[in-house]
Amino acid sequence: MVFYSFLFIALQWLENDPSATLRRKDCIDGFLGSIDKHDGSNVFVDWVRNNDIKLVSSNTPLFFS
């Protein structure tokens, strides 16, 4: 629990970063939770493409460009 508290504090700057996209998800898997139920698009995939992300780690909540 201490690690998650530290991680939360360390990443608070992302909340106001113009390149960050905050998304509430309705399932435990963020990738699947980013799929739009109406048209099948995925806001995570769109975010990666729009921000020219080069490396994405799917095992952690951290994404690097």
PDB file of N, CA and C in Angstrom:
ATOM      1  N   MET A   1       0.816  -1.190   0.000  1.00  0.00           N
ATOM      2  CA  MET A   1       0.000   0.000   0.000  1.00  0.00           C
ATOM      3  C   MET A   1       0.865   1.261   0.000  1.00  0.00           C
ATOM      4  N   VAL A   2       1.999   1.214   0.661  1.00  0.00           N
ATOM      5  CA  VAL A   2       2.891   2.374   0.706  1.00  0.00           C
ATOM      6  C   VAL A   2       3.379   2.726  -0.693  1.00  0.00           C
ATOM      7  N   PHE A   3       3.701   1.699  -1.499  1.00  0.00           N
ATOM      8  CA  PHE A   3       4.172   1.943  -2.863  1.00  0.00           C
ATOM      9  C   PHE A   3       3.118   2.701  -3.669  1.00  0.00           C
ATOM     10  N   TYR A   4       1.865   2.284  -3.572  1.00  0.00           N
ATOM     11  CA  TYR A   4       0.810   2.949  -4.336  1.00  0.00           C
ATOM     12  C   TYR A   4       0.595   4.378  -3.864  1.00  0.00           C
ATOM     13  N   SER A   5       0.721   4.637  -2.579  1.00  0.00           N
ATOM     14  CA  SER A   5       0.600   6.002  -2.067  1.00  0.00           C
ATOM     15  C   SER A   5       1.723   6.872  -2.613  1.00  0.00           C
ATOM     16  N   PHE A   6       2.938   6.345  -2.616  1.00  0.00           N
ATOM     17  CA  PHE A   6       4.083   7.070  -3.160  1.00  0.00           C
ATOM     18  C   PHE A   6       3.900   7.312  -4.650  1.00  0.00           C
ATOM     19  N   LEU A   7       3.446   6.275  -5.362  1.00  0.00           N
ATOM     20  CA  LEU A   7       3.237   6.393  -6.802  1.00  0.00           C
ATOM     21  C   LEU A   7       2.175   7.438  -7.119  1.00  0.00           C
ATOM     22  N   PHE A   8       1.100   7.437  -6.361  1.00  0.00           N
ATOM     23  CA  PHE A   8       0.035   8.416  -6.557  1.00  0.00           C
ATOM     24  C   PHE A   8       0.575   9.836  -6.395  1.00  0.00           C
ATOM     25  N   ILE A   9       1.328  10.070  -5.353  1.00  0.00           N
ATOM     26  CA  ILE A   9       1.904  11.399  -5.103  1.00  0.00           C
ATOM     27  C   ILE A   9       2.893  11.775  -6.202  1.00  0.00           C
ATOM     28  N   ALA A  10       3.726  10.829  -6.600  1.00  0.00           N
ATOM     29  CA  ALA A  10       4.754  11.089  -7.609  1.00  0.00           C
ATOM     30  C   ALA A  10       4.160  11.412  -8.983  1.00  0.00           C
ATOM     31  N   LEU A  11       2.966  10.916  -9.247  1.00  0.00           N
ATOM     32  CA  LEU A  11       2.365  11.115 -10.571  1.00  0.00           C
ATOM     33  C   LEU A  11       1.279  12.189 -10.612  1.00  0.00           C
ATOM     34  N   GLN A  12       1.095  12.908  -9.528  1.00  0.00           N
ATOM     35  CA  GLN A  12       0.044  13.928  -9.496  1.00  0.00           C
ATOM     36  C   GLN A  12       0.234  15.015 -10.544  1.00  0.00           C
ATOM     37  N   TRP A  13       1.468  15.302 -10.942  1.00  0.00           N
ATOM     38  CA  TRP A  13       1.721  16.329 -11.940  1.00  0.00           C
ATOM     39  C   TRP A  13       1.051  15.997 -13.269  1.00  0.00           C
ATOM     40  N   LEU A  14       0.812  14.707 -13.520  1.00  0.00           N
ATOM     41  CA  LEU A  14       0.199  14.308 -14.786  1.00  0.00           C
ATOM     42  C   LEU A  14      -1.226  14.826 -14.944  1.00  0.00           C
ATOM     43  N   GLU A  15      -1.888  15.063 -13.838  1.00  0.00           N
ATOM     44  CA  GLU A  15      -3.280  15.492 -13.897  1.00  0.00           C
ATOM     45  C   GLU A  15      -3.459  16.778 -14.700  1.00  0.00           C
ATOM     46  N   ASN A  16      -2.466  17.666 -14.660  1.00  0.00           N
ATOM     47  CA  ASN A  16      -2.562  18.944 -15.368  1.00  0.00           C
ATOM     48  C   ASN A  16      -1.690  19.021 -16.610  1.00  0.00           C
ATOM     49  N   ASP A  17      -1.041  17.922 -16.977  1.00  0.00           N
ATOM     50  CA  ASP A  17      -0.191  17.914 -18.160  1.00  0.00           C
ATOM     51  C   ASP A  17      -1.069  17.923 -19.415  1.00  0.00           C
ATOM     52  N   PRO A  18      -0.785  18.811 -20.378  1.00  0.00           N
ATOM     53  CA  PRO A  18      -1.628  18.904 -21.568  1.00  0.00           C
ATOM     54  C   PRO A  18      -1.603  17.644 -22.440  1.00  0.00           C
ATOM     55  N   SER A  19      -0.578  16.827 -22.313  1.00  0.00           N
ATOM     56  CA  SER A  19      -0.509  15.600 -23.107  1.00  0.00           C
ATOM     57  C   SER A  19      -1.199  14.419 -22.435  1.00  0.00           C
ATOM     58  N   ALA A  20      -1.573  14.585 -21.184  1.00  0.00           N
ATOM     59  CA  ALA A  20      -2.202  13.491 -20.441  1.00  0.00           C
ATOM     60  C   ALA A  20      -3.696  13.454 -20.727  1.00  0.00           C
ATOM     61  N   THR A  21      -4.215  12.263 -20.795  1.00  0.00           N
ATOM     62  CA  THR A  21      -5.654  12.059 -20.941  1.00  0.00           C
ATOM     63  C   THR A  21      -6.114  11.247 -19.744  1.00  0.00           C
ATOM     64  N   LEU A  22      -6.986  11.839 -18.946  1.00  0.00           N
ATOM     65  CA  LEU A  22      -7.527  11.135 -17.791  1.00  0.00           C
ATOM     66  C   LEU A  22      -8.813  10.458 -18.225  1.00  0.00           C
ATOM     67  N   ARG A  23      -8.923   9.198 -17.898  1.00  0.00           N
ATOM     68  CA  ARG A  23     -10.095   8.428 -18.329  1.00  0.00           C
ATOM     69  C   ARG A  23     -10.545   7.531 -17.198  1.00  0.00           C
ATOM     70  N   ARG A  24     -11.789   7.659 -16.811  1.00  0.00           N
ATOM     71  CA  ARG A  24     -12.365   6.735 -15.842  1.00  0.00           C
ATOM     72  C   ARG A  24     -12.717   5.469 -16.603  1.00  0.00           C
ATOM     73  N   LYS A  25     -12.440   4.347 -16.010  1.00  0.00           N
ATOM     74  CA  LYS A  25     -12.736   3.093 -16.697  1.00  0.00           C
ATOM     75  C   LYS A  25     -13.730   2.279 -15.894  1.00  0.00           C
ATOM     76  N   ASP A  26     -14.528   1.525 -16.607  1.00  0.00           N
ATOM     77  CA  ASP A  26     -15.561   0.745 -15.942  1.00  0.00           C
ATOM     78  C   ASP A  26     -15.220  -0.743 -15.883  1.00  0.00           C
ATOM     79  N   CYS A  27     -13.950  -1.058 -16.151  1.00  0.00           N
ATOM     80  CA  CYS A  27     -13.502  -2.439 -15.988  1.00  0.00           C
ATOM     81  C   CYS A  27     -12.045  -2.418 -15.559  1.00  0.00           C
ATOM     82  N   ILE A  28     -11.537  -3.546 -15.066  1.00  0.00           N
ATOM     83  CA  ILE A  28     -10.181  -3.590 -14.521  1.00  0.00           C
ATOM     84  C   ILE A  28      -9.120  -3.433 -15.600  1.00  0.00           C
ATOM     85  N   ASP A  29      -9.415  -3.824 -16.818  1.00  0.00           N
ATOM     86  CA  ASP A  29      -8.465  -3.728 -17.925  1.00  0.00           C
ATOM     87  C   ASP A  29      -8.656  -2.381 -18.611  1.00  0.00           C
ATOM     88  N   GLY A  30      -7.676  -1.506 -18.486  1.00  0.00           N
ATOM     89  CA  GLY A  30      -7.782  -0.167 -19.051  1.00  0.00           C
ATOM     90  C   GLY A  30      -7.905  -0.148 -20.558  1.00  0.00           C
ATOM     91  N   PHE A  31      -7.266  -1.091 -21.249  1.00  0.00           N
ATOM     92  CA  PHE A  31      -7.356  -1.135 -22.707  1.00  0.00           C
ATOM     93  C   PHE A  31      -8.774  -1.492 -23.135  1.00  0.00           C
ATOM     94  N   LEU A  32      -9.310  -2.545 -22.548  1.00  0.00           N
ATOM     95  CA  LEU A  32     -10.680  -2.944 -22.884  1.00  0.00           C
ATOM     96  C   LEU A  32     -11.686  -1.898 -22.432  1.00  0.00           C
ATOM     97  N   GLY A  33     -11.420  -1.278 -21.293  1.00  0.00           N
ATOM     98  CA  GLY A  33     -12.313  -0.247 -20.784  1.00  0.00           C
ATOM     99  C   GLY A  33     -12.310   1.021 -21.617  1.00  0.00           C
ATOM    100  N   SER A  34     -11.339   1.163 -22.502  1.00  0.00           N
ATOM    101  CA  SER A  34     -11.252   2.342 -23.364  1.00  0.00           C
ATOM    102  C   SER A  34     -11.993   2.170 -24.682  1.00  0.00           C
ATOM    103  N   ILE A  35     -12.574   1.005 -24.899  1.00  0.00           N
ATOM    104  CA  ILE A  35     -13.326   0.761 -26.132  1.00  0.00           C
ATOM    105  C   ILE A  35     -14.708   1.402 -26.009  1.00  0.00           C
ATOM    106  N   ASP A  36     -15.046   2.219 -27.003  1.00  0.00           N
ATOM    107  CA  ASP A  36     -16.359   2.853 -27.030  1.00  0.00           C
ATOM    108  C   ASP A  36     -17.412   1.812 -27.409  1.00  0.00           C
ATOM    109  N   LYS A  37     -18.454   1.717 -26.616  1.00  0.00           N
ATOM    110  CA  LYS A  37     -19.478   0.692 -26.830  1.00  0.00           C
ATOM    111  C   LYS A  37     -20.317   0.959 -28.072  1.00  0.00           C
ATOM    112  N   HIS A  38     -20.319   2.192 -28.550  1.00  0.00           N
ATOM    113  CA  HIS A  38     -21.172   2.545 -29.678  1.00  0.00           C
ATOM    114  C   HIS A  38     -20.491   2.342 -31.029  1.00  0.00           C
ATOM    115  N   ASP A  39     -19.229   2.747 -31.142  1.00  0.00           N
ATOM    116  CA  ASP A  39     -18.583   2.661 -32.454  1.00  0.00           C
ATOM    117  C   ASP A  39     -17.341   1.763 -32.486  1.00  0.00           C
ATOM    118  N   GLY A  40     -16.950   1.201 -31.351  1.00  0.00           N
ATOM    119  CA  GLY A  40     -15.806   0.288 -31.310  1.00  0.00           C
ATOM    120  C   GLY A  40     -14.447   0.967 -31.302  1.00  0.00           C
ATOM    121  N   SER A  41     -14.423   2.296 -31.322  1.00  0.00           N
ATOM    122  CA  SER A  41     -13.133   2.998 -31.276  1.00  0.00           C
ATOM    123  C   SER A  41     -12.525   2.831 -29.885  1.00  0.00           C
ATOM    124  N   ASN A  42     -11.239   3.108 -29.787  1.00  0.00           N
ATOM    125  CA  ASN A  42     -10.533   2.945 -28.523  1.00  0.00           C
ATOM    126  C   ASN A  42      -9.776   4.229 -28.223  1.00  0.00           C
ATOM    127  N   VAL A  43     -10.171   4.943 -27.158  1.00  0.00           N
ATOM    128  CA  VAL A  43      -9.535   6.225 -26.853  1.00  0.00           C
ATOM    129  C   VAL A  43      -8.066   6.065 -26.477  1.00  0.00           C
ATOM    130  N   PHE A  44      -7.688   4.895 -25.949  1.00  0.00           N
ATOM    131  CA  PHE A  44      -6.277   4.676 -25.636  1.00  0.00           C
ATOM    132  C   PHE A  44      -5.463   4.599 -26.925  1.00  0.00           C
ATOM    133  N   VAL A  45      -5.940   3.841 -27.897  1.00  0.00           N
ATOM    134  CA  VAL A  45      -5.247   3.739 -29.189  1.00  0.00           C
ATOM    135  C   VAL A  45      -5.173   5.113 -29.848  1.00  0.00           C
ATOM    136  N   ASP A  46      -6.265   5.856 -29.802  1.00  0.00           N
ATOM    137  CA  ASP A  46      -6.268   7.211 -30.368  1.00  0.00           C
ATOM    138  C   ASP A  46      -5.247   8.105 -29.675  1.00  0.00           C
ATOM    139  N   TRP A  47      -5.156   7.998 -28.336  1.00  0.00           N
ATOM    140  CA  TRP A  47      -4.198   8.805 -27.571  1.00  0.00           C
ATOM    141  C   TRP A  47      -2.761   8.471 -27.970  1.00  0.00           C
ATOM    142  N   VAL A  48      -2.457   7.175 -28.111  1.00  0.00           N
ATOM    143  CA  VAL A  48      -1.110   6.754 -28.518  1.00  0.00           C
ATOM    144  C   VAL A  48      -0.782   7.332 -29.888  1.00  0.00           C
ATOM    145  N   ARG A  49      -1.703   7.194 -30.827  1.00  0.00           N
ATOM    146  CA  ARG A  49      -1.471   7.713 -32.187  1.00  0.00           C
ATOM    147  C   ARG A  49      -1.339   9.230 -32.203  1.00  0.00           C
ATOM    148  N   ASN A  50      -2.218   9.917 -31.500  1.00  0.00           N
ATOM    149  CA  ASN A  50      -2.216  11.385 -31.519  1.00  0.00           C
ATOM    150  C   ASN A  50      -1.008  11.994 -30.829  1.00  0.00           C
ATOM    151  N   ASN A  51      -0.397  11.277 -29.893  1.00  0.00           N
ATOM    152  CA  ASN A  51       0.757  11.799 -29.160  1.00  0.00           C
ATOM    153  C   ASN A  51       2.066  11.158 -29.576  1.00  0.00           C
ATOM    154  N   ASP A  52       2.038  10.379 -30.642  1.00  0.00           N
ATOM    155  CA  ASP A  52       3.239   9.758 -31.200  1.00  0.00           C
ATOM    156  C   ASP A  52       4.029   9.006 -30.130  1.00  0.00           C
ATOM    157  N   ILE A  53       3.330   8.201 -29.345  1.00  0.00           N
ATOM    158  CA  ILE A  53       3.953   7.422 -28.275  1.00  0.00           C
ATOM    159  C   ILE A  53       4.782   6.308 -28.892  1.00  0.00           C
ATOM    160  N   LYS A  54       5.999   6.131 -28.414  1.00  0.00           N
ATOM    161  CA  LYS A  54       6.915   5.139 -28.958  1.00  0.00           C
ATOM    162  C   LYS A  54       6.960   3.835 -28.164  1.00  0.00           C
ATOM    163  N   LEU A  55       6.752   3.896 -26.853  1.00  0.00           N
ATOM    164  CA  LEU A  55       6.838   2.712 -26.009  1.00  0.00           C
ATOM    165  C   LEU A  55       5.683   2.738 -25.026  1.00  0.00           C
ATOM    166  N   VAL A  56       4.958   1.646 -24.977  1.00  0.00           N
ATOM    167  CA  VAL A  56       3.841   1.541 -24.048  1.00  0.00           C
ATOM    168  C   VAL A  56       4.019   0.255 -23.254  1.00  0.00           C
ATOM    169  N   SER A  57       3.931   0.364 -21.940  1.00  0.00           N
ATOM    170  CA  SER A  57       4.021  -0.810 -21.073  1.00  0.00           C
ATOM    171  C   SER A  57       2.618  -1.204 -20.670  1.00  0.00           C
ATOM    172  N   SER A  58       2.190  -2.385 -21.045  1.00  0.00           N
ATOM    173  CA  SER A  58       0.826  -2.795 -20.736  1.00  0.00           C
ATOM    174  C   SER A  58       0.697  -3.434 -19.362  1.00  0.00           C
ATOM    175  N   ASN A  59       1.815  -3.656 -18.665  1.00  0.00           N
ATOM    176  CA  ASN A  59       1.768  -4.322 -17.366  1.00  0.00           C
ATOM    177  C   ASN A  59       1.742  -3.353 -16.185  1.00  0.00           C
ATOM    178  N   THR A  60       1.874  -2.086 -16.452  1.00  0.00           N
ATOM    179  CA  THR A  60       1.856  -1.084 -15.389  1.00  0.00           C
ATOM    180  C   THR A  60       0.975   0.072 -15.832  1.00  0.00           C
ATOM    181  N   PRO A  61       0.613   0.947 -14.933  1.00  0.00           N
ATOM    182  CA  PRO A  61      -0.174   2.108 -15.335  1.00  0.00           C
ATOM    183  C   PRO A  61       0.687   3.223 -15.916  1.00  0.00           C
ATOM    184  N   LEU A  62       1.943   2.943 -16.225  1.00  0.00           N
ATOM    185  CA  LEU A  62       2.858   3.960 -16.720  1.00  0.00           C
ATOM    186  C   LEU A  62       3.042   3.816 -18.223  1.00  0.00           C
ATOM    187  N   PHE A  63       3.038   4.926 -18.923  1.00  0.00           N
ATOM    188  CA  PHE A  63       3.225   4.926 -20.363  1.00  0.00           C
ATOM    189  C   PHE A  63       4.285   5.968 -20.688  1.00  0.00           C
ATOM    190  N   PHE A  64       5.201   5.621 -21.564  1.00  0.00           N
ATOM    191  CA  PHE A  64       6.327   6.494 -21.852  1.00  0.00           C
ATOM    192  C   PHE A  64       6.338   6.885 -23.309  1.00  0.00           C
ATOM    193  N   SER A  65       6.837   8.085 -23.570  1.00  0.00           N
ATOM    194  CA  SER A  65       7.017   8.497 -24.963  1.00  0.00           C
ATOM    195  C   SER A  65       8.462   8.880 -25.176  1.00  0.00           C
TER     196      SER A  65
END
